[in-house]
Amino acid sequence: MKRSDWLLLVLLSLPWGCSFLFYRVLAASALPPLTVAWARVGLAALVLALAGQGPRVWRARHAWRGFLAIGLLNNAVPFVLFAWGEHHVTSGTAAICNALSPVFTVLVLRAAGQSGPLVWNRWAGILLGFAGVMVLVGPAALRNSGTGAEAAGMLACIGAAASYAAGAPFMARVRAVPPLVTVGAQLLASTILLTLPALMIDRPWALPSPSVRAWGALLCLALLSTAFAYFLFFRIVASAGPANAMLVTYLVPVTALALGAAVLGEAITARAVGGALLIALGLALLDGRWLRRRAEASP
């Protein structure tokens, strides 16, 4: 990777790390999770349409079955789960749970027959990832307020990470479509999928007016953490390849923990640090590049 690729990678970790901060701010607002997710994808889809992706999305309508599946699993479901989960967990904890998505992706792609056999380092990475979750959850989360609310929030965030992984096999159906067109189409698809549930269940017009802070968090979530972040991500993919672009997974929890502590005053617990380190080590083993470099450097 070039120096500019590393700079873009660090830059990308900021809007994606901030997304967990914005969810936490919105958890204290009058906007329920379905409405938050619907507004996030709808505003981001509008921005990409205004940026010229609308006609290109229409020309790719032959791939709409894939777009609907990706929109459901990569946007609609995880965005709702994160918005709900952060009513009960800190932004840093949610980001650590999100770092499990590559672990789930390895298992899902293997089950779908889209990856090779699971060699020892991948099994070790998977086990370390789940060990990190066990440390993160721990008995303290189960005892929280006597209700297990923190554990439920973590499970929602882990479910969001699993949903991202479940969408991975469908990416093969739209592989021939330019990446930004895929992003615009999946955001439009998820907007369509969330519109009716949000209108019927949340009835947004009857909700109290959100505060200026909540509106700011919602706009930043849609414009900065979705539309702009996807643009940065595919810039890195074009320059350094998808495997290198996924290195951002290591950086996002660090960014989210730091922002949560600095902006919201969230405590960085030993449990969170221990769980994050185990998951990071698991991701390093799944990635495997440092093992290959050691093998190449040995006599």
Protein backbone atom coordinates (compact mmCIF):
# COMPACT_ATOMS: atom_id res chain seq x y z
CA MET A 1 0.00 0.00 0.00
CA LYS A 2 1.14 3.53 -0.81
CA ARG A 3 1.31 6.22 1.85
CA SER A 4 -1.79 7.84 0.35
CA ASP A 5 -3.67 4.53 0.76
CA TRP A 6 -2.79 4.42 4.46
CA LEU A 7 -3.92 8.03 4.88
CA LEU A 8 -7.24 7.25 3.19
CA LEU A 9 -7.64 4.18 5.41
CA VAL A 10 -7.17 6.25 8.57
CA LEU A 11 -9.52 8.89 7.16
CA LEU A 12 -12.17 6.22 6.46
CA SER A 13 -11.99 4.97 10.04
CA LEU A 14 -13.23 8.40 11.22
CA PRO A 15 -16.70 8.50 9.56
CA TRP A 16 -17.29 4.80 10.23
CA GLY A 17 -16.09 5.17 13.82
CA CYS A 18 -18.27 8.26 14.18
CA SER A 19 -21.36 6.32 13.06
CA PHE A 20 -21.45 4.55 16.44
CA LEU A 21 -21.16 7.91 18.19
CA PHE A 22 -24.08 9.28 16.13
CA TYR A 23 -26.22 6.22 16.95
CA ARG A 24 -25.54 6.76 20.64
CA VAL A 25 -26.59 10.42 20.39
CA LEU A 26 -29.76 9.41 18.50
CA ALA A 27 -30.58 6.79 21.14
CA ALA A 28 -31.37 9.68 23.48
CA SER A 29 -33.61 11.40 20.90
CA ALA A 30 -37.25 10.98 20.01
CA LEU A 31 -36.40 9.02 16.84
CA PRO A 32 -36.96 5.24 17.08
CA PRO A 33 -34.53 2.77 15.43
CA LEU A 34 -36.60 2.04 12.31
CA THR A 35 -36.92 5.73 11.51
CA VAL A 36 -33.20 6.34 12.14
CA ALA A 37 -32.21 3.53 9.75
CA TRP A 38 -34.75 4.65 7.14
CA ALA A 39 -33.56 8.26 7.24
CA ARG A 40 -29.90 7.16 7.07
CA VAL A 41 -30.27 5.11 3.90
CA GLY A 42 -32.82 7.44 2.30
CA LEU A 43 -30.72 10.59 2.67
CA ALA A 44 -27.54 8.76 1.55
CA ALA A 45 -29.35 7.35 -1.50
CA LEU A 46 -30.58 10.86 -2.36
CA VAL A 47 -27.03 12.25 -2.16
CA LEU A 48 -25.67 9.53 -4.45
CA ALA A 49 -28.55 10.10 -6.88
CA LEU A 50 -27.76 13.83 -6.97
CA ALA A 51 -24.10 12.90 -7.57
CA GLY A 52 -25.10 11.25 -10.82
CA GLN A 53 -25.55 7.61 -9.77
CA GLY A 54 -29.32 7.56 -10.38
CA PRO A 55 -29.27 6.86 -14.15
CA ARG A 56 -26.49 4.30 -13.70
CA VAL A 57 -28.52 2.49 -11.03
CA TRP A 58 -31.50 2.36 -13.39
CA ARG A 59 -29.34 0.86 -16.16
CA ALA A 60 -28.26 -1.90 -13.74
CA ARG A 61 -31.86 -2.96 -13.01
CA HIS A 62 -31.09 -6.51 -14.27
CA ALA A 63 -29.26 -7.08 -10.94
CA TRP A 64 -32.07 -5.89 -8.69
CA ARG A 65 -32.63 -9.24 -6.98
CA GLY A 66 -29.06 -9.05 -5.73
CA PHE A 67 -29.46 -5.38 -4.79
CA LEU A 68 -32.56 -6.14 -2.70
CA ALA A 69 -30.77 -8.94 -0.83
CA ILE A 70 -27.71 -6.77 -0.20
CA GLY A 71 -29.86 -3.78 0.76
CA LEU A 72 -31.72 -5.91 3.30
CA LEU A 73 -28.69 -7.65 4.83
CA ASN A 74 -25.99 -4.96 4.50
CA ASN A 75 -28.07 -1.88 5.30
CA ALA A 76 -31.62 -2.32 6.54
CA VAL A 77 -31.18 -5.06 9.15
CA PRO A 78 -27.79 -4.02 10.63
CA PHE A 79 -28.65 -0.31 10.72
CA VAL A 80 -31.86 -1.03 12.67
CA LEU A 81 -30.04 -3.41 15.03
CA PHE A 82 -27.24 -0.93 15.76
CA ALA A 83 -29.75 1.88 16.31
CA TRP A 84 -31.63 -0.29 18.82
CA GLY A 85 -28.56 -1.90 20.40
CA GLU A 86 -26.97 1.44 21.27
CA HIS A 87 -29.86 2.21 23.56
CA HIS A 88 -28.18 -0.31 25.89
CA VAL A 89 -24.43 -0.34 25.09
CA THR A 90 -21.76 2.29 24.53
CA SER A 91 -20.61 3.34 21.08
CA GLY A 92 -17.22 1.68 21.63
CA THR A 93 -18.81 -1.64 22.58
CA ALA A 94 -21.00 -1.55 19.46
CA ALA A 95 -17.95 -0.92 17.28
CA ILE A 96 -16.10 -3.86 18.85
CA CYS A 97 -19.08 -6.13 18.13
CA ASN A 98 -19.12 -4.83 14.56
CA ALA A 99 -15.48 -5.96 14.17
CA LEU A 100 -16.78 -9.55 14.22
CA SER A 101 -18.25 -9.18 10.73
CA PRO A 102 -15.12 -10.61 8.96
CA VAL A 103 -15.22 -13.61 11.32
CA PHE A 104 -18.84 -14.33 10.39
CA THR A 105 -18.08 -13.66 6.72
CA VAL A 106 -15.44 -16.41 6.61
CA LEU A 107 -17.98 -18.90 7.99
CA VAL A 108 -20.81 -17.76 5.70
CA LEU A 109 -18.69 -17.84 2.52
CA ARG A 110 -17.39 -21.29 3.44
CA ALA A 111 -20.96 -22.55 4.01
CA ALA A 112 -21.98 -21.05 0.66
CA GLY A 113 -19.08 -22.77 -1.11
CA GLN A 114 -17.50 -19.44 -2.09
CA SER A 115 -14.21 -19.87 -0.21
CA GLY A 116 -11.52 -22.48 0.24
CA PRO A 117 -11.07 -24.81 3.22
CA LEU A 118 -10.63 -23.34 6.68
CA VAL A 119 -6.94 -23.80 7.47
CA TRP A 120 -5.55 -23.66 11.02
CA ASN A 121 -5.01 -19.90 11.18
CA ARG A 122 -8.60 -19.23 10.12
CA TRP A 123 -9.98 -21.59 12.74
CA ALA A 124 -7.75 -19.92 15.33
CA GLY A 125 -8.95 -16.49 14.19
CA ILE A 126 -12.59 -17.53 14.45
CA LEU A 127 -12.10 -18.97 17.95
CA LEU A 128 -10.23 -15.86 19.13
CA GLY A 129 -12.98 -13.64 17.73
CA PHE A 130 -15.65 -15.44 19.70
CA ALA A 131 -13.41 -15.51 22.79
CA GLY A 132 -13.24 -11.72 22.48
CA VAL A 133 -17.04 -11.60 22.50
CA MET A 134 -17.18 -13.73 25.64
CA VAL A 135 -14.74 -11.36 27.38
CA LEU A 136 -16.70 -8.35 26.15
CA VAL A 137 -20.07 -9.66 27.31
CA GLY A 138 -18.92 -11.33 30.52
CA PRO A 139 -21.07 -11.88 33.63
CA ALA A 140 -21.22 -8.14 34.36
CA ALA A 141 -23.29 -7.47 31.22
CA LEU A 142 -25.73 -10.25 32.11
CA ARG A 143 -26.23 -8.73 35.57
CA ASN A 144 -26.67 -5.15 34.32
CA SER A 145 -29.59 -3.62 36.24
CA GLY A 146 -30.85 -7.16 36.82
CA THR A 147 -32.35 -7.19 33.32
CA GLY A 148 -29.53 -8.22 31.01
CA ALA A 149 -30.19 -5.06 28.96
CA GLU A 150 -26.49 -4.61 28.14
CA ALA A 151 -26.22 -8.21 26.96
CA ALA A 152 -29.31 -7.74 24.78
CA GLY A 153 -27.75 -4.64 23.23
CA MET A 154 -24.53 -6.54 22.52
CA LEU A 155 -26.48 -9.40 20.95
CA ALA A 156 -28.23 -6.90 18.69
CA CYS A 157 -24.87 -5.45 17.59
CA ILE A 158 -23.42 -8.95 17.07
CA GLY A 159 -26.53 -9.78 15.04
CA ALA A 160 -25.81 -6.72 12.89
CA ALA A 161 -22.26 -8.01 12.25
CA ALA A 162 -23.71 -11.41 11.30
CA SER A 163 -26.16 -9.70 8.93
CA TYR A 164 -23.26 -8.00 7.12
CA ALA A 165 -21.70 -11.44 6.69
CA ALA A 166 -24.95 -12.97 5.43
CA GLY A 167 -24.97 -10.41 2.62
CA ALA A 168 -21.50 -11.39 1.41
CA PRO A 169 -22.55 -14.32 -0.86
CA PHE A 170 -24.96 -12.06 -2.74
CA MET A 171 -22.11 -9.76 -3.76
CA ALA A 172 -21.20 -12.35 -6.41
CA ARG A 173 -24.50 -11.61 -8.17
CA VAL A 174 -23.57 -7.96 -8.72
CA ARG A 175 -19.82 -8.39 -9.27
CA ALA A 176 -20.05 -7.04 -12.82
CA VAL A 177 -21.73 -3.81 -11.63
CA PRO A 178 -19.45 -0.81 -10.86
CA PRO A 179 -18.99 -0.50 -7.06
CA LEU A 180 -20.56 2.94 -6.59
CA VAL A 181 -23.57 1.82 -8.65
CA THR A 182 -23.92 -1.16 -6.30
CA VAL A 183 -23.79 1.19 -3.30
CA GLY A 184 -26.43 3.51 -4.78
CA ALA A 185 -28.67 0.58 -5.69
CA GLN A 186 -28.40 -1.14 -2.31
CA LEU A 187 -29.15 2.13 -0.50
CA LEU A 188 -32.21 2.69 -2.72
CA ALA A 189 -33.30 -0.93 -2.16
CA SER A 190 -32.94 -0.63 1.62
CA THR A 191 -34.87 2.67 1.56
CA ILE A 192 -37.72 0.93 -0.25
CA LEU A 193 -37.63 -2.02 2.18
CA LEU A 194 -37.69 0.21 5.28
CA THR A 195 -40.28 2.75 4.12
CA LEU A 196 -43.45 0.78 4.87
CA PRO A 197 -42.31 -0.62 8.27
CA ALA A 198 -41.10 2.81 9.39
CA LEU A 199 -44.34 4.51 8.36
CA MET A 200 -46.63 1.83 9.80
CA ILE A 201 -44.78 1.11 13.06
CA ASP A 202 -43.09 4.40 13.98
CA ARG A 203 -45.52 6.87 12.35
CA PRO A 204 -42.74 9.52 12.10
CA TRP A 205 -45.18 12.39 11.59
CA ALA A 206 -46.59 11.78 15.09
CA LEU A 207 -43.20 11.74 16.86
CA PRO A 208 -42.01 14.71 18.93
CA SER A 209 -39.70 17.03 17.04
CA PRO A 210 -36.06 15.93 17.50
CA SER A 211 -33.52 18.32 18.95
CA VAL A 212 -30.99 20.21 16.84
CA ARG A 213 -28.33 17.83 18.19
CA ALA A 214 -30.34 14.80 17.01
CA TRP A 215 -30.88 16.32 13.55
CA GLY A 216 -27.16 17.00 13.30
CA ALA A 217 -26.32 13.42 14.28
CA LEU A 218 -28.81 12.04 11.75
CA LEU A 219 -27.50 14.18 8.90
CA CYS A 220 -23.89 13.29 9.75
CA LEU A 221 -24.82 9.61 9.94
CA ALA A 222 -26.33 9.71 6.44
CA LEU A 223 -23.97 12.10 4.67
CA LEU A 224 -20.65 11.52 6.42
CA SER A 225 -20.81 7.93 7.70
CA THR A 226 -22.68 6.50 4.71
CA ALA A 227 -22.41 8.42 1.43
CA PHE A 228 -18.92 9.91 1.99
CA ALA A 229 -17.58 6.77 3.71
CA TYR A 230 -18.63 4.53 0.82
CA PHE A 231 -16.92 6.91 -1.61
CA LEU A 232 -13.68 6.70 0.42
CA PHE A 233 -13.93 2.93 0.76
CA PHE A 234 -14.13 2.34 -2.98
CA ARG A 235 -11.31 4.80 -3.60
CA ILE A 236 -9.15 2.54 -1.43
CA VAL A 237 -10.48 -0.60 -3.16
CA ALA A 238 -9.55 0.85 -6.56
CA SER A 239 -6.06 1.82 -5.42
CA ALA A 240 -5.04 -0.95 -3.00
CA GLY A 241 -7.54 -3.78 -3.48
CA PRO A 242 -10.44 -5.05 -1.34
CA ALA A 243 -8.27 -7.05 1.09
CA ASN A 244 -6.27 -3.96 2.04
CA ALA A 245 -9.42 -1.85 2.24
CA MET A 246 -10.80 -4.24 4.87
CA LEU A 247 -7.89 -3.33 7.16
CA VAL A 248 -10.16 -0.48 8.27
CA THR A 249 -11.85 -3.13 10.47
CA TYR A 250 -8.89 -2.87 12.84
CA LEU A 251 -9.11 0.92 13.08
CA VAL A 252 -12.84 1.54 13.53
CA PRO A 253 -13.11 0.18 17.13
CA VAL A 254 -10.12 2.29 18.18
CA THR A 255 -11.70 5.40 16.64
CA ALA A 256 -15.10 4.66 18.16
CA LEU A 257 -13.68 4.01 21.66
CA ALA A 258 -11.64 7.23 21.53
CA LEU A 259 -14.57 9.33 20.25
CA GLY A 260 -16.98 7.83 22.78
CA ALA A 261 -14.60 8.69 25.62
CA ALA A 262 -13.74 12.18 24.33
CA VAL A 263 -17.20 13.34 23.22
CA LEU A 264 -19.67 11.38 25.34
CA GLY A 265 -17.51 10.67 28.38
CA GLU A 266 -17.92 6.89 27.98
CA ALA A 267 -15.60 4.79 30.16
CA ILE A 268 -13.10 2.54 28.38
CA THR A 269 -13.29 -0.59 30.53
CA ALA A 270 -10.70 -3.36 30.84
CA ARG A 271 -13.39 -5.71 29.53
CA ALA A 272 -13.78 -3.66 26.34
CA VAL A 273 -10.02 -3.43 25.79
CA GLY A 274 -9.51 -7.16 26.40
CA GLY A 275 -12.35 -8.14 24.06
CA ALA A 276 -11.12 -5.75 21.37
CA LEU A 277 -7.55 -7.09 21.55
CA LEU A 278 -8.71 -10.71 21.23
CA ILE A 279 -10.92 -9.85 18.25
CA ALA A 280 -8.08 -7.86 16.64
CA LEU A 281 -5.71 -10.82 17.04
CA GLY A 282 -8.37 -13.08 15.54
CA LEU A 283 -8.73 -10.74 12.56
CA ALA A 284 -4.94 -10.74 12.08
CA LEU A 285 -4.96 -14.54 11.95
CA LEU A 286 -7.91 -14.55 9.54
CA ASP A 287 -6.13 -12.07 7.30
CA GLY A 288 -2.96 -14.17 7.40
CA ARG A 289 -0.64 -11.70 5.67
CA TRP A 290 1.81 -11.43 8.57
CA LEU A 291 2.06 -15.24 8.66
CA ARG A 292 2.88 -15.28 4.94
CA ARG A 293 5.52 -12.59 5.41
CA ARG A 294 7.13 -14.57 8.22
CA ALA A 295 7.18 -17.68 6.03
CA GLU A 296 8.72 -15.73 3.12
CA ALA A 297 11.36 -14.18 5.40
CA SER A 298 12.44 -17.47 6.96
CA PRO A 299 15.40 -19.36 5.35
